[in-house]
Every structure is written in C-alpha cells, then in structure tokens.
Amino acid sequence: MSGARPARGTSRGLSRRALVGIPLAVAAAAGGGFYALLRRMEAGRYDPHAVDNPLVGHAIPEFAALPAQAPASIGFGSADLRAALQAGGRPLLLNFFASWCVPCRIEHPQLMAMAAAGVPIWGIAYKDQAADAAKLLGEDGNPYARLARDESGRVSIDWGLYGVPETFLIDRAGIVRGHWAGPLAPETVRDEVSPLLRTYA
C-alpha cells in the first residue's frame, strides 16, 4: 500500500520555503567568506597574489622543447631548463606572458630591472601570435635569457597556470620554490622574489 500523498498546499509551502532558503544560504556563505577575508586583511595576512600552485616544492613538469619566440633563435623544454640550472649554479625565474595581456605590460619594468641586475629570466609566450609578442619585446625591451612560445597552452596547463602573467622561481635542483600569479609589483620583488633568490643562490 502506497503512502498518502501530501496535500497540494503543503507541497507548495515546502517549495516556497526552499526557494527562499537557497538565496539565504548563499548570502550567509558569502557573508562568512567576506568576514574571513576582512579578518585576514586586519591581521595583515591577505595577499591578492597568493594563489596556490601544486608545483611549489616539487620538480618542474616534463615538457618537450617549445618553438622559439623571436628574438630568440631556439626554444626550450624541461631538459634545457634543468641543464641551465645545473650549469649556472643559481636559481632562475620562468615567466609566462602575452602581448595581449595588460598586466604583463605593468610588470615588464620589474622584469627588465631584475634582468639588468643579473637575474636569469626565461620566458614563455602564452597563446600569443609570434609577431605580436616580438613587437612587444621590441618596443618594451627583452628581459629574457631564453624565450619560447606555447601556442596551444598545453605546457601552461602542466604548470597549473591560472592566467598571465605568472612567474615561477626554480632552484638549482629544478624544484619550484616560488610562484606569483599576477603582475610582479616592486614591493613583491623586494619583499618576496629577491629574498627567495638569495636563499636558493
């Protein structure tokens, strides 16, 4: 014997309560998240660039040699990165960028300054037209010791890229030690990037 069917009025009442309850639950969750964000800001623990990347603390991902991006004559892959790190005996920065990326232009002076100070920086042009990336570097300067392009974005996925620009600090053993999502500001270079470079020098 089947159970008694609920009265139509009761069913409608439940539906109305559910429709009202869902937005309230969403608003409560958002409010809780905003409160937690405010507490982190008050405590000085909020960093808008602190996007977790699973590669930090692990070896660089394997990837075949990417094609060159002008003005470079040859591209590079993971084997080239490891060889340069071992030969150079110092960490380097790997920077993903694109000519169509406005924040990339914002951080470009920081990259130029670090390159002028002797920091080795390798670049990967992300889903960019080769001519457009070459024009950007021709106009704003080229901070990259080695330069390749990831037209398909496949290698960038292996690096866990959220967007561009993104920068990784890799130590002499080929381990990722730092990650910055978004443009590098002068204070980020001073307070985070430079100390890490010294730590793993």
N, C-alpha and C. Protein backbone atom coordinates (compact mmCIF):
# COMPACT_ATOMS: atom_id res chain seq x y z
N MET A 1 0.85 -1.20 0.00
CA MET A 1 0.00 0.00 0.00
C MET A 1 0.88 1.25 0.00
N SER A 2 0.63 2.14 -0.93
CA SER A 2 1.47 3.34 -1.02
C SER A 2 1.11 4.32 0.06
N GLY A 3 2.07 5.18 0.41
CA GLY A 3 1.83 6.19 1.44
C GLY A 3 0.91 7.27 0.93
N ALA A 4 0.35 8.02 1.85
CA ALA A 4 -0.58 9.09 1.48
C ALA A 4 0.19 10.21 0.80
N ARG A 5 -0.38 10.78 -0.26
CA ARG A 5 0.25 11.88 -0.98
C ARG A 5 0.06 13.18 -0.20
N PRO A 6 1.07 14.01 -0.13
CA PRO A 6 0.92 15.27 0.61
C PRO A 6 -0.08 16.18 -0.07
N ALA A 7 -0.74 16.94 0.72
CA ALA A 7 -1.71 17.89 0.18
C ALA A 7 -0.99 18.90 -0.69
N ARG A 8 -1.67 19.37 -1.75
CA ARG A 8 -1.06 20.30 -2.70
C ARG A 8 -0.58 21.57 -2.01
N GLY A 9 -1.34 22.06 -1.06
CA GLY A 9 -0.95 23.28 -0.35
C GLY A 9 0.31 23.08 0.45
N THR A 10 0.47 21.88 1.04
CA THR A 10 1.68 21.59 1.81
C THR A 10 2.90 21.56 0.91
N SER A 11 2.77 20.94 -0.29
CA SER A 11 3.87 20.85 -1.25
C SER A 11 4.30 22.24 -1.71
N ARG A 12 3.31 23.09 -1.98
CA ARG A 12 3.65 24.45 -2.41
C ARG A 12 4.36 25.22 -1.31
N GLY A 13 3.94 24.99 -0.07
CA GLY A 13 4.57 25.67 1.06
C GLY A 13 6.02 25.27 1.21
N LEU A 14 6.29 23.95 1.00
CA LEU A 14 7.67 23.49 1.07
C LEU A 14 8.51 24.09 -0.04
N SER A 15 7.95 24.18 -1.26
CA SER A 15 8.68 24.75 -2.39
C SER A 15 9.02 26.20 -2.14
N ARG A 16 8.03 26.94 -1.57
CA ARG A 16 8.30 28.36 -1.30
C ARG A 16 9.42 28.50 -0.28
N ARG A 17 9.38 27.67 0.77
CA ARG A 17 10.42 27.75 1.80
C ARG A 17 11.79 27.42 1.21
N ALA A 18 11.83 26.43 0.30
CA ALA A 18 13.09 26.06 -0.32
C ALA A 18 13.62 27.20 -1.19
N LEU A 19 12.73 27.85 -1.95
CA LEU A 19 13.15 28.94 -2.81
C LEU A 19 13.68 30.12 -2.01
N VAL A 20 13.08 30.37 -0.87
CA VAL A 20 13.55 31.45 0.00
C VAL A 20 14.84 31.05 0.70
N GLY A 21 14.93 29.78 1.09
CA GLY A 21 16.08 29.30 1.85
C GLY A 21 17.37 29.27 1.07
N ILE A 22 17.31 28.94 -0.22
CA ILE A 22 18.52 28.83 -1.02
C ILE A 22 19.26 30.16 -1.11
N PRO A 23 18.59 31.26 -1.49
CA PRO A 23 19.32 32.55 -1.53
C PRO A 23 19.87 32.95 -0.16
N LEU A 24 19.12 32.63 0.89
CA LEU A 24 19.60 32.97 2.24
C LEU A 24 20.86 32.20 2.56
N ALA A 25 20.91 30.92 2.17
CA ALA A 25 22.09 30.10 2.43
C ALA A 25 23.29 30.63 1.65
N VAL A 26 23.05 31.01 0.39
CA VAL A 26 24.14 31.57 -0.44
C VAL A 26 24.65 32.87 0.16
N ALA A 27 23.73 33.73 0.60
CA ALA A 27 24.11 35.00 1.20
C ALA A 27 24.90 34.78 2.49
N ALA A 28 24.49 33.80 3.27
CA ALA A 28 25.20 33.50 4.52
C ALA A 28 26.62 33.02 4.24
N ALA A 29 26.77 32.16 3.23
CA ALA A 29 28.10 31.65 2.88
C ALA A 29 28.99 32.78 2.38
N ALA A 30 28.43 33.66 1.53
CA ALA A 30 29.20 34.79 1.02
C ALA A 30 29.61 35.73 2.15
N GLY A 31 28.68 35.95 3.07
CA GLY A 31 28.98 36.81 4.20
C GLY A 31 30.08 36.23 5.06
N GLY A 32 30.04 34.92 5.26
CA GLY A 32 31.08 34.27 6.04
C GLY A 32 32.44 34.38 5.38
N GLY A 33 32.46 34.21 4.05
CA GLY A 33 33.72 34.34 3.32
C GLY A 33 34.27 35.76 3.38
N PHE A 34 33.36 36.75 3.26
CA PHE A 34 33.78 38.15 3.31
C PHE A 34 34.32 38.49 4.70
N TYR A 35 33.68 37.95 5.74
CA TYR A 35 34.14 38.19 7.11
C TYR A 35 35.54 37.62 7.31
N ALA A 36 35.74 36.39 6.78
CA ALA A 36 37.06 35.77 6.91
C ALA A 36 38.12 36.59 6.18
N LEU A 37 37.75 37.14 5.00
CA LEU A 37 38.67 37.97 4.24
C LEU A 37 39.04 39.24 5.02
N LEU A 38 38.03 39.86 5.66
CA LEU A 38 38.29 41.05 6.46
C LEU A 38 39.22 40.75 7.63
N ARG A 39 39.03 39.59 8.27
CA ARG A 39 39.89 39.21 9.39
C ARG A 39 41.34 39.02 8.92
N ARG A 40 41.50 38.42 7.72
CA ARG A 40 42.84 38.23 7.19
C ARG A 40 43.49 39.57 6.84
N MET A 41 42.69 40.51 6.32
CA MET A 41 43.23 41.82 5.99
C MET A 41 43.65 42.56 7.26
N GLU A 42 42.82 42.47 8.32
CA GLU A 42 43.14 43.12 9.58
C GLU A 42 44.43 42.55 10.18
N ALA A 43 44.62 41.25 10.01
CA ALA A 43 45.80 40.60 10.58
C ALA A 43 47.02 40.73 9.69
N GLY A 44 46.84 41.36 8.51
CA GLY A 44 47.95 41.52 7.59
C GLY A 44 48.33 40.25 6.87
N ARG A 45 47.38 39.31 6.76
CA ARG A 45 47.68 38.03 6.12
C ARG A 45 47.00 37.89 4.77
N TYR A 46 46.48 38.97 4.23
CA TYR A 46 45.82 38.88 2.93
C TYR A 46 46.79 39.25 1.82
N ASP A 47 46.94 38.37 0.85
CA ASP A 47 47.80 38.62 -0.31
C ASP A 47 47.00 38.30 -1.56
N PRO A 48 46.64 39.32 -2.35
CA PRO A 48 45.83 39.06 -3.55
C PRO A 48 46.55 38.21 -4.58
N HIS A 49 47.88 38.10 -4.48
CA HIS A 49 48.64 37.30 -5.44
C HIS A 49 48.86 35.87 -4.94
N ALA A 50 48.44 35.56 -3.73
CA ALA A 50 48.73 34.25 -3.14
C ALA A 50 47.77 33.20 -3.67
N VAL A 51 47.99 32.79 -4.89
CA VAL A 51 47.21 31.72 -5.49
C VAL A 51 48.03 30.45 -5.40
N ASP A 52 47.52 29.45 -4.71
CA ASP A 52 48.26 28.22 -4.51
C ASP A 52 48.54 27.54 -5.83
N ASN A 53 49.74 27.01 -5.97
CA ASN A 53 50.10 26.22 -7.14
C ASN A 53 50.70 24.91 -6.65
N PRO A 54 50.19 23.78 -7.12
CA PRO A 54 50.65 22.49 -6.60
C PRO A 54 52.10 22.16 -6.93
N LEU A 55 52.72 22.92 -7.83
CA LEU A 55 54.11 22.63 -8.19
C LEU A 55 55.11 23.11 -7.15
N VAL A 56 54.72 24.06 -6.31
CA VAL A 56 55.66 24.60 -5.34
C VAL A 56 56.13 23.47 -4.41
N GLY A 57 57.44 23.32 -4.33
CA GLY A 57 58.03 22.24 -3.55
C GLY A 57 58.28 20.97 -4.34
N HIS A 58 57.95 21.00 -5.64
CA HIS A 58 58.11 19.81 -6.47
C HIS A 58 58.94 20.13 -7.71
N ALA A 59 59.40 19.08 -8.37
CA ALA A 59 60.21 19.24 -9.57
C ALA A 59 59.37 19.84 -10.70
N ILE A 60 60.05 20.54 -11.59
CA ILE A 60 59.35 21.13 -12.74
C ILE A 60 58.72 20.02 -13.59
N PRO A 61 57.59 20.27 -14.22
CA PRO A 61 56.97 19.25 -15.06
C PRO A 61 57.78 19.00 -16.33
N GLU A 62 57.70 17.79 -16.82
CA GLU A 62 58.38 17.45 -18.07
C GLU A 62 57.61 18.04 -19.25
N PHE A 63 58.33 18.67 -20.18
CA PHE A 63 57.70 19.13 -21.42
C PHE A 63 58.72 19.19 -22.53
N ALA A 64 58.28 18.82 -23.71
CA ALA A 64 59.15 18.82 -24.88
C ALA A 64 59.50 20.26 -25.26
N ALA A 65 60.57 20.38 -26.03
CA ALA A 65 61.03 21.71 -26.43
C ALA A 65 59.95 22.47 -27.18
N LEU A 66 59.67 23.68 -26.71
CA LEU A 66 58.72 24.56 -27.37
C LEU A 66 59.43 25.33 -28.48
N PRO A 67 58.69 25.77 -29.50
CA PRO A 67 59.32 26.57 -30.56
C PRO A 67 59.81 27.91 -30.03
N ALA A 68 60.79 28.45 -30.73
CA ALA A 68 61.36 29.73 -30.33
C ALA A 68 60.37 30.86 -30.53
N GLN A 69 60.48 31.86 -29.66
CA GLN A 69 59.75 33.10 -29.82
C GLN A 69 60.77 34.19 -30.10
N ALA A 70 60.65 34.87 -31.24
CA ALA A 70 61.59 35.95 -31.58
C ALA A 70 61.61 36.99 -30.46
N PRO A 71 62.79 37.51 -30.12
CA PRO A 71 64.03 37.45 -30.90
C PRO A 71 64.90 36.24 -30.64
N ALA A 72 64.46 35.25 -29.89
CA ALA A 72 65.26 34.05 -29.67
C ALA A 72 65.35 33.23 -30.96
N SER A 73 66.44 32.49 -31.10
CA SER A 73 66.62 31.66 -32.29
C SER A 73 66.23 30.21 -32.03
N ILE A 74 66.24 29.81 -30.75
CA ILE A 74 65.83 28.45 -30.39
C ILE A 74 64.91 28.51 -29.18
N GLY A 75 63.98 27.54 -29.09
CA GLY A 75 63.10 27.47 -27.94
C GLY A 75 63.74 26.64 -26.84
N PHE A 76 62.90 26.10 -25.96
CA PHE A 76 63.44 25.27 -24.89
C PHE A 76 62.35 24.36 -24.33
N GLY A 77 62.83 23.33 -23.63
CA GLY A 77 61.95 22.40 -22.92
C GLY A 77 62.46 22.19 -21.51
N SER A 78 61.88 21.23 -20.81
CA SER A 78 62.27 21.00 -19.41
C SER A 78 63.73 20.56 -19.30
N ALA A 79 64.22 19.79 -20.27
CA ALA A 79 65.62 19.34 -20.23
C ALA A 79 66.57 20.53 -20.32
N ASP A 80 66.22 21.52 -21.14
CA ASP A 80 67.05 22.72 -21.27
C ASP A 80 67.05 23.53 -19.97
N LEU A 81 65.89 23.60 -19.33
CA LEU A 81 65.80 24.31 -18.06
C LEU A 81 66.72 23.67 -17.01
N ARG A 82 66.63 22.34 -16.88
CA ARG A 82 67.45 21.65 -15.88
C ARG A 82 68.94 21.80 -16.19
N ALA A 83 69.31 21.70 -17.46
CA ALA A 83 70.72 21.83 -17.83
C ALA A 83 71.24 23.23 -17.49
N ALA A 84 70.45 24.25 -17.75
CA ALA A 84 70.87 25.62 -17.45
C ALA A 84 71.01 25.84 -15.95
N LEU A 85 70.10 25.27 -15.19
CA LEU A 85 70.15 25.41 -13.73
C LEU A 85 71.40 24.75 -13.16
N GLN A 86 71.73 23.58 -13.65
CA GLN A 86 72.91 22.86 -13.17
C GLN A 86 74.19 23.57 -13.59
N ALA A 87 74.21 24.04 -14.84
CA ALA A 87 75.41 24.72 -15.34
C ALA A 87 75.62 26.07 -14.67
N GLY A 88 74.51 26.79 -14.47
CA GLY A 88 74.61 28.13 -13.90
C GLY A 88 74.81 28.14 -12.41
N GLY A 89 74.37 27.09 -11.75
CA GLY A 89 74.54 27.01 -10.30
C GLY A 89 73.76 28.05 -9.53
N ARG A 90 72.65 28.52 -10.10
CA ARG A 90 71.85 29.52 -9.41
C ARG A 90 70.40 29.38 -9.86
N PRO A 91 69.45 29.89 -9.08
CA PRO A 91 68.04 29.79 -9.47
C PRO A 91 67.72 30.70 -10.64
N LEU A 92 66.59 30.45 -11.26
CA LEU A 92 66.12 31.34 -12.32
C LEU A 92 64.61 31.52 -12.21
N LEU A 93 64.12 32.51 -12.91
CA LEU A 93 62.68 32.78 -12.96
C LEU A 93 62.14 32.34 -14.31
N LEU A 94 60.98 31.70 -14.28
CA LEU A 94 60.25 31.37 -15.51
C LEU A 94 58.99 32.21 -15.51
N ASN A 95 58.84 33.02 -16.55
CA ASN A 95 57.74 33.96 -16.62
C ASN A 95 56.86 33.67 -17.83
N PHE A 96 55.55 33.49 -17.58
CA PHE A 96 54.57 33.32 -18.65
C PHE A 96 53.94 34.68 -18.93
N PHE A 97 53.88 35.06 -20.21
CA PHE A 97 53.38 36.39 -20.56
C PHE A 97 52.67 36.32 -21.90
N ALA A 98 52.06 37.44 -22.30
CA ALA A 98 51.44 37.55 -23.62
C ALA A 98 51.35 39.02 -24.00
N SER A 99 51.41 39.29 -25.30
CA SER A 99 51.35 40.68 -25.76
C SER A 99 49.98 41.30 -25.52
N TRP A 100 48.92 40.46 -25.50
CA TRP A 100 47.57 40.97 -25.31
C TRP A 100 47.21 41.18 -23.84
N CYS A 101 48.15 40.87 -22.96
CA CYS A 101 47.92 40.91 -21.51
C CYS A 101 48.36 42.26 -20.94
N VAL A 102 47.39 43.08 -20.51
CA VAL A 102 47.71 44.40 -19.95
C VAL A 102 48.55 44.29 -18.67
N PRO A 103 48.22 43.40 -17.71
CA PRO A 103 49.07 43.27 -16.52
C PRO A 103 50.52 42.87 -16.84
N CYS A 104 50.72 42.17 -17.97
CA CYS A 104 52.09 41.81 -18.36
C CYS A 104 52.91 43.06 -18.64
N ARG A 105 52.29 44.04 -19.27
CA ARG A 105 52.99 45.30 -19.54
C ARG A 105 53.27 46.06 -18.24
N ILE A 106 52.36 45.91 -17.28
CA ILE A 106 52.55 46.58 -15.98
C ILE A 106 53.77 46.03 -15.26
N GLU A 107 53.97 44.71 -15.33
CA GLU A 107 55.10 44.11 -14.61
C GLU A 107 56.41 44.16 -15.40
N HIS A 108 56.33 44.48 -16.69
CA HIS A 108 57.51 44.41 -17.55
C HIS A 108 58.71 45.20 -17.02
N PRO A 109 58.52 46.42 -16.49
CA PRO A 109 59.68 47.14 -15.94
C PRO A 109 60.37 46.39 -14.81
N GLN A 110 59.62 45.62 -14.02
CA GLN A 110 60.24 44.84 -12.94
C GLN A 110 61.12 43.73 -13.52
N LEU A 111 60.64 43.10 -14.58
CA LEU A 111 61.43 42.06 -15.22
C LEU A 111 62.71 42.65 -15.83
N MET A 112 62.58 43.80 -16.48
CA MET A 112 63.74 44.46 -17.08
C MET A 112 64.77 44.82 -16.01
N ALA A 113 64.29 45.31 -14.86
CA ALA A 113 65.20 45.71 -13.78
C ALA A 113 65.92 44.48 -13.21
N MET A 114 65.19 43.39 -13.02
CA MET A 114 65.82 42.18 -12.49
C MET A 114 66.83 41.60 -13.48
N ALA A 115 66.48 41.62 -14.76
CA ALA A 115 67.40 41.12 -15.78
C ALA A 115 68.67 41.97 -15.81
N ALA A 116 68.52 43.29 -15.69
CA ALA A 116 69.67 44.19 -15.67
C ALA A 116 70.55 43.94 -14.46
N ALA A 117 69.93 43.46 -13.36
CA ALA A 117 70.68 43.15 -12.14
C ALA A 117 71.32 41.76 -12.19
N GLY A 118 71.12 41.05 -13.29
CA GLY A 118 71.77 39.76 -13.45
C GLY A 118 70.91 38.55 -13.12
N VAL A 119 69.61 38.75 -12.88
CA VAL A 119 68.73 37.62 -12.59
C VAL A 119 68.37 36.94 -13.90
N PRO A 120 68.64 35.63 -14.02
CA PRO A 120 68.26 34.93 -15.25
C PRO A 120 66.74 34.71 -15.30
N ILE A 121 66.12 35.17 -16.39
CA ILE A 121 64.68 35.02 -16.57
C ILE A 121 64.43 34.35 -17.91
N TRP A 122 63.66 33.28 -17.87
CA TRP A 122 63.25 32.60 -19.09
C TRP A 122 61.77 32.90 -19.30
N GLY A 123 61.37 33.07 -20.55
CA GLY A 123 60.00 33.46 -20.84
C GLY A 123 59.29 32.48 -21.75
N ILE A 124 57.98 32.36 -21.53
CA ILE A 124 57.12 31.58 -22.41
C ILE A 124 55.94 32.46 -22.80
N ALA A 125 55.81 32.72 -24.11
CA ALA A 125 54.68 33.49 -24.61
C ALA A 125 53.46 32.56 -24.68
N TYR A 126 52.41 32.95 -23.95
CA TYR A 126 51.24 32.09 -23.77
C TYR A 126 50.14 32.43 -24.79
N LYS A 127 49.79 31.46 -25.64
CA LYS A 127 48.71 31.61 -26.61
C LYS A 127 48.77 32.96 -27.32
N ASP A 128 49.93 33.25 -27.85
CA ASP A 128 50.15 34.57 -28.46
C ASP A 128 50.57 34.40 -29.93
N GLN A 129 50.34 35.43 -30.71
CA GLN A 129 50.86 35.48 -32.07
C GLN A 129 52.34 35.83 -32.00
N ALA A 130 53.16 35.08 -32.72
CA ALA A 130 54.60 35.28 -32.65
C ALA A 130 54.99 36.73 -32.99
N ALA A 131 54.35 37.30 -34.00
CA ALA A 131 54.68 38.67 -34.41
C ALA A 131 54.30 39.67 -33.34
N ASP A 132 53.18 39.43 -32.66
CA ASP A 132 52.73 40.37 -31.62
C ASP A 132 53.66 40.33 -30.41
N ALA A 133 54.07 39.13 -30.02
CA ALA A 133 55.00 39.02 -28.89
C ALA A 133 56.34 39.65 -29.23
N ALA A 134 56.80 39.44 -30.46
CA ALA A 134 58.07 40.04 -30.89
C ALA A 134 57.98 41.57 -30.88
N LYS A 135 56.84 42.10 -31.29
CA LYS A 135 56.65 43.55 -31.29
C LYS A 135 56.69 44.11 -29.87
N LEU A 136 56.03 43.40 -28.92
CA LEU A 136 56.05 43.83 -27.52
C LEU A 136 57.47 43.92 -27.00
N LEU A 137 58.27 42.88 -27.25
CA LEU A 137 59.63 42.86 -26.74
C LEU A 137 60.51 43.87 -27.47
N GLY A 138 60.19 44.13 -28.73
CA GLY A 138 60.94 45.14 -29.47
C GLY A 138 60.68 46.54 -28.94
N GLU A 139 59.45 46.79 -28.50
CA GLU A 139 59.08 48.12 -28.01
C GLU A 139 59.49 48.32 -26.55
N ASP A 140 59.26 47.31 -25.71
CA ASP A 140 59.47 47.48 -24.26
C ASP A 140 60.77 46.89 -23.75
N GLY A 141 61.49 46.17 -24.59
CA GLY A 141 62.74 45.54 -24.16
C GLY A 141 62.54 44.06 -23.89
N ASN A 142 63.64 43.32 -24.00
CA ASN A 142 63.58 41.88 -23.80
C ASN A 142 64.36 41.47 -22.56
N PRO A 143 63.66 41.08 -21.48
CA PRO A 143 64.36 40.69 -20.25
C PRO A 143 64.75 39.21 -20.21
N TYR A 144 64.40 38.46 -21.27
CA TYR A 144 64.52 37.00 -21.22
C TYR A 144 65.83 36.48 -21.78
N ALA A 145 66.47 35.60 -21.00
CA ALA A 145 67.69 34.94 -21.45
C ALA A 145 67.36 33.85 -22.47
N ARG A 146 66.23 33.18 -22.29
CA ARG A 146 65.72 32.19 -23.25
C ARG A 146 64.23 32.47 -23.43
N LEU A 147 63.74 32.16 -24.63
CA LEU A 147 62.38 32.56 -24.95
C LEU A 147 61.72 31.52 -25.86
N ALA A 148 60.52 31.09 -25.48
CA ALA A 148 59.76 30.12 -26.27
C ALA A 148 58.31 30.54 -26.30
N ARG A 149 57.52 29.82 -27.08
CA ARG A 149 56.10 30.15 -27.13
C ARG A 149 55.26 28.89 -27.03
N ASP A 150 54.20 29.00 -26.26
CA ASP A 150 53.25 27.90 -26.03
C ASP A 150 51.94 28.27 -26.73
N GLU A 151 51.88 27.99 -28.03
CA GLU A 151 50.73 28.42 -28.82
C GLU A 151 49.44 27.73 -28.40
N SER A 152 49.53 26.45 -28.07
CA SER A 152 48.33 25.68 -27.72
C SER A 152 47.92 25.87 -26.27
N GLY A 153 48.85 26.28 -25.42
CA GLY A 153 48.56 26.40 -24.00
C GLY A 153 48.72 25.09 -23.24
N ARG A 154 49.16 24.04 -23.92
CA ARG A 154 49.26 22.72 -23.30
C ARG A 154 50.30 22.69 -22.18
N VAL A 155 51.48 23.25 -22.44
CA VAL A 155 52.53 23.28 -21.42
C VAL A 155 52.10 24.13 -20.23
N SER A 156 51.41 25.22 -20.50
CA SER A 156 50.94 26.10 -19.43
C SER A 156 49.98 25.37 -18.51
N ILE A 157 49.17 24.48 -19.06
CA ILE A 157 48.26 23.67 -18.24
C ILE A 157 49.07 22.79 -17.30
N ASP A 158 50.16 22.19 -17.82
CA ASP A 158 51.01 21.34 -16.98
C ASP A 158 51.63 22.12 -15.83
N TRP A 159 51.82 23.40 -16.03
CA TRP A 159 52.38 24.25 -14.96
C TRP A 159 51.28 24.77 -14.02
N GLY A 160 50.03 24.42 -14.29
CA GLY A 160 48.93 24.86 -13.42
C GLY A 160 48.62 26.34 -13.56
N LEU A 161 48.83 26.87 -14.76
CA LEU A 161 48.66 28.31 -14.97
C LEU A 161 47.21 28.73 -14.76
N TYR A 162 47.01 29.86 -14.04
CA TYR A 162 45.70 30.46 -13.85
C TYR A 162 45.43 31.52 -14.91
N GLY A 163 46.48 32.10 -15.42
CA GLY A 163 46.37 33.18 -16.40
C GLY A 163 47.76 33.77 -16.60
N VAL A 164 47.84 34.92 -17.20
CA VAL A 164 49.13 35.59 -17.35
C VAL A 164 49.00 37.02 -16.84
N PRO A 165 50.09 37.57 -16.30
CA PRO A 165 51.38 36.91 -16.14
C PRO A 165 51.43 36.00 -14.90
N GLU A 166 52.30 35.03 -14.96
CA GLU A 166 52.64 34.20 -13.80
C GLU A 166 54.12 33.93 -13.83
N THR A 167 54.71 33.88 -12.63
CA THR A 167 56.15 33.72 -12.52
C THR A 167 56.47 32.61 -11.52
N PHE A 168 57.45 31.78 -11.88
CA PHE A 168 57.90 30.70 -11.01
C PHE A 168 59.39 30.87 -10.73
N LEU A 169 59.78 30.63 -9.48
CA LEU A 169 61.19 30.62 -9.12
C LEU A 169 61.62 29.16 -8.98
N ILE A 170 62.66 28.78 -9.73
CA ILE A 170 63.12 27.40 -9.76
C ILE A 170 64.54 27.35 -9.24
N ASP A 171 64.81 26.44 -8.28
CA ASP A 171 66.15 26.38 -7.70
C ASP A 171 67.09 25.55 -8.57
N ARG A 172 68.35 25.42 -8.12
CA ARG A 172 69.37 24.75 -8.93
C ARG A 172 69.06 23.28 -9.17
N ALA A 173 68.28 22.69 -8.28
CA ALA A 173 67.93 21.27 -8.43
C ALA A 173 66.69 21.06 -9.29
N GLY A 174 66.13 22.15 -9.81
CA GLY A 174 64.94 22.02 -10.65
C GLY A 174 63.66 21.93 -9.86
N ILE A 175 63.68 22.40 -8.62
CA ILE A 175 62.49 22.40 -7.76
C ILE A 175 61.86 23.78 -7.77
N VAL A 176 60.55 23.83 -7.93
CA VAL A 176 59.83 25.11 -7.89
C VAL A 176 59.76 25.59 -6.45
N ARG A 177 60.31 26.76 -6.19
CA ARG A 177 60.35 27.30 -4.82
C ARG A 177 59.44 28.50 -4.60
N GLY A 178 58.99 29.11 -5.67
CA GLY A 178 58.13 30.28 -5.53
C GLY A 178 57.20 30.40 -6.71
N HIS A 179 56.05 31.02 -6.47
CA HIS A 179 55.06 31.20 -7.53
C HIS A 179 54.30 32.49 -7.26
N TRP A 180 54.16 33.30 -8.30
CA TRP A 180 53.41 34.55 -8.19
C TRP A 180 52.44 34.65 -9.36
N ALA A 181 51.16 34.73 -9.04
CA ALA A 181 50.12 34.90 -10.04
C ALA A 181 49.77 36.38 -10.12
N GLY A 182 49.80 36.93 -11.33
CA GLY A 182 49.54 38.35 -11.49
C GLY A 182 50.85 39.11 -11.65
N PRO A 183 50.76 40.40 -11.94
CA PRO A 183 51.97 41.18 -12.21
C PRO A 183 52.83 41.36 -10.96
N LEU A 184 54.13 41.28 -11.15
CA LEU A 184 55.08 41.50 -10.06
C LEU A 184 55.20 43.00 -9.80
N ALA A 185 54.85 43.42 -8.61
CA ALA A 185 55.00 44.82 -8.21
C ALA A 185 56.39 45.02 -7.62
N PRO A 186 56.87 46.26 -7.56
CA PRO A 186 58.20 46.50 -6.98
C PRO A 186 58.34 45.94 -5.57
N GLU A 187 57.29 46.10 -4.74
CA GLU A 187 57.38 45.59 -3.37
C GLU A 187 57.38 44.07 -3.32
N THR A 188 56.73 43.42 -4.30
CA THR A 188 56.76 41.96 -4.36
C THR A 188 58.16 41.47 -4.69
N VAL A 189 58.79 42.15 -5.64
CA VAL A 189 60.17 41.80 -5.99
C VAL A 189 61.08 42.00 -4.79
N ARG A 190 60.92 43.12 -4.10
CA ARG A 190 61.78 43.45 -2.97
C ARG A 190 61.58 42.50 -1.79
N ASP A 191 60.30 42.25 -1.44
CA ASP A 191 60.00 41.52 -0.20
C ASP A 191 59.89 40.01 -0.37
N GLU A 192 59.65 39.54 -1.60
CA GLU A 192 59.43 38.10 -1.80
C GLU A 192 60.39 37.47 -2.79
N VAL A 193 60.46 38.02 -3.99
CA VAL A 193 61.27 37.39 -5.03
C VAL A 193 62.75 37.46 -4.69
N SER A 194 63.25 38.65 -4.39
CA SER A 194 64.68 38.81 -4.12
C SER A 194 65.16 37.98 -2.93
N PRO A 195 64.43 37.97 -1.80
CA PRO A 195 64.86 37.10 -0.69
C PRO A 195 64.92 35.62 -1.06
N LEU A 196 63.96 35.16 -1.85
CA LEU A 196 63.97 33.75 -2.28
C LEU A 196 65.17 33.47 -3.20
N LEU A 197 65.45 34.40 -4.09
CA LEU A 197 66.61 34.24 -4.97
C LEU A 197 67.89 34.13 -4.14
N ARG A 198 68.00 34.93 -3.09
CA ARG A 198 69.19 34.86 -2.24
C ARG A 198 69.23 33.54 -1.46
N THR A 199 68.07 33.10 -1.01
CA THR A 199 68.00 31.86 -0.23
C THR A 199 68.51 30.67 -1.03
N TYR A 200 68.13 30.62 -2.31
CA TYR A 200 68.48 29.46 -3.13
C TYR A 200 69.66 29.70 -4.06
N ALA A 201 70.37 30.82 -3.85
CA ALA A 201 71.54 31.12 -4.69
C ALA A 201 72.66 30.11 -4.45
